[in-house]
Protein backbone atom coordinates (compact mmCIF):
# COMPACT_ATOMS: atom_id res chain seq x y z
CA MET A 1 31.29 6.37 1.73
CA ASN A 2 32.82 9.60 2.80
CA THR A 3 31.40 11.86 5.39
CA SER A 4 29.99 14.46 3.19
CA LEU A 5 28.03 11.95 1.09
CA ARG A 6 26.53 10.38 4.28
CA ILE A 7 25.56 13.79 5.36
CA ALA A 8 23.84 14.55 2.01
CA VAL A 9 21.87 11.20 2.23
CA ALA A 10 20.82 11.91 5.79
CA HIS A 11 19.44 15.37 4.82
CA ALA A 12 17.51 13.77 1.79
CA MET A 13 16.16 11.24 4.02
CA ALA A 14 15.08 13.87 6.64
CA ALA A 15 13.39 16.11 3.81
CA MET A 16 11.56 12.97 2.63
CA LEU A 17 10.25 12.23 6.03
CA LEU A 18 9.37 15.97 6.66
CA LEU A 19 7.41 15.93 3.26
CA ALA A 20 5.72 12.74 4.09
CA SER A 21 4.43 13.85 7.54
CA CYS A 22 2.33 16.55 5.65
CA ALA A 23 0.28 14.09 3.69
CA THR A 24 -3.36 13.86 4.53
CA GLN A 25 -6.06 11.28 3.72
CA PRO A 26 -9.50 12.22 2.60
CA PRO A 27 -12.27 12.35 5.26
CA VAL A 28 -13.89 9.09 6.20
CA THR A 29 -17.47 9.18 4.85
CA ALA A 30 -18.26 5.44 4.20
CA VAL A 31 -21.48 4.16 5.10
CA ASP A 32 -20.61 0.40 4.41
CA PRO A 33 -16.82 0.22 4.29
CA PRO A 34 -15.46 -2.87 2.64
CA GLY A 35 -14.56 -5.69 4.86
CA PHE A 36 -12.54 -9.00 4.72
CA PHE A 37 -13.79 -10.56 1.37
CA SER A 38 -13.50 -7.12 -0.44
CA GLY A 39 -9.90 -6.84 0.92
CA LEU A 40 -9.44 -10.59 -0.31
CA LEU A 41 -10.60 -9.64 -3.87
CA HIS A 42 -8.49 -6.22 -3.65
CA GLY A 43 -5.42 -8.06 -2.76
CA PHE A 44 -5.63 -10.84 -5.33
CA LEU A 45 -6.24 -7.99 -7.99
CA VAL A 46 -3.43 -5.87 -6.71
CA LEU A 47 -1.17 -6.03 -9.79
CA PHE A 48 -4.02 -5.20 -12.24
CA SER A 49 -4.82 -2.18 -9.85
CA LEU A 50 -1.41 -1.01 -9.74
CA ILE A 51 -1.25 -1.06 -13.60
CA GLY A 52 -4.61 0.74 -13.64
CA SER A 53 -3.44 3.31 -11.21
CA VAL A 54 -0.63 4.10 -13.54
CA PHE A 55 -2.98 5.45 -16.16
CA MET A 56 -6.15 6.32 -14.30
CA ASP A 57 -7.02 8.23 -10.85
CA HIS A 58 -7.59 4.78 -9.16
CA ARG A 59 -6.52 3.50 -5.64
CA ILE A 60 -4.82 0.23 -5.06
CA TYR A 61 -5.91 -0.02 -1.48
CA ALA A 62 -9.52 0.89 -0.61
CA PHE A 63 -9.98 3.88 1.75
CA PRO A 64 -11.98 3.86 3.98
CA ASN A 65 -12.34 0.38 4.83
CA SER A 66 -13.34 -1.67 7.92
CA GLY A 67 -9.92 -1.69 9.40
CA TRP A 68 -7.95 -4.80 10.63
CA TRP A 69 -10.17 -7.48 8.70
CA TYR A 70 -9.78 -5.59 5.36
CA ASP A 71 -5.98 -5.51 6.08
CA LEU A 72 -5.95 -9.15 6.70
CA GLY A 73 -8.11 -9.97 3.48
CA PHE A 74 -5.74 -7.81 1.49
CA PHE A 75 -2.69 -9.32 2.83
CA LEU A 76 -4.14 -12.95 2.13
CA GLY A 77 -5.43 -12.00 -1.44
CA ALA A 78 -2.05 -10.33 -2.42
CA SER A 79 0.02 -13.39 -0.87
CA ALA A 80 -2.16 -15.77 -2.89
CA PHE A 81 -1.75 -13.93 -6.28
CA LEU A 82 2.02 -13.00 -5.75
CA GLY A 83 2.96 -16.46 -4.40
CA GLY A 84 3.40 -15.62 -0.93
CA GLY A 85 7.19 -16.43 -0.79
CA ALA A 86 6.50 -20.08 -1.86
CA ALA A 87 7.72 -19.17 -5.41
CA THR A 88 11.21 -18.85 -4.06
CA ALA A 89 11.27 -21.83 -1.61
CA LYS A 90 12.64 -25.08 -2.79
């Protein structure tokens, strides 16, 4: 890779980071945010949510949520549905 291409790639990455730093989330207004079991269900349905988000205004990941417990449920649900790495193990 020549020097000018490396510089162009570095500038493109810096521009993407700069634009991503301006992203904001909507304000948190949940009274009863989703917890572990909702995260588990959302993680298990992640592929269908991804397809739905292409055609509709739908989020894959619930916001706002209860934090670490929701994240753990989402991770476990997505791992269970997508194979969790066991699909490639022999």
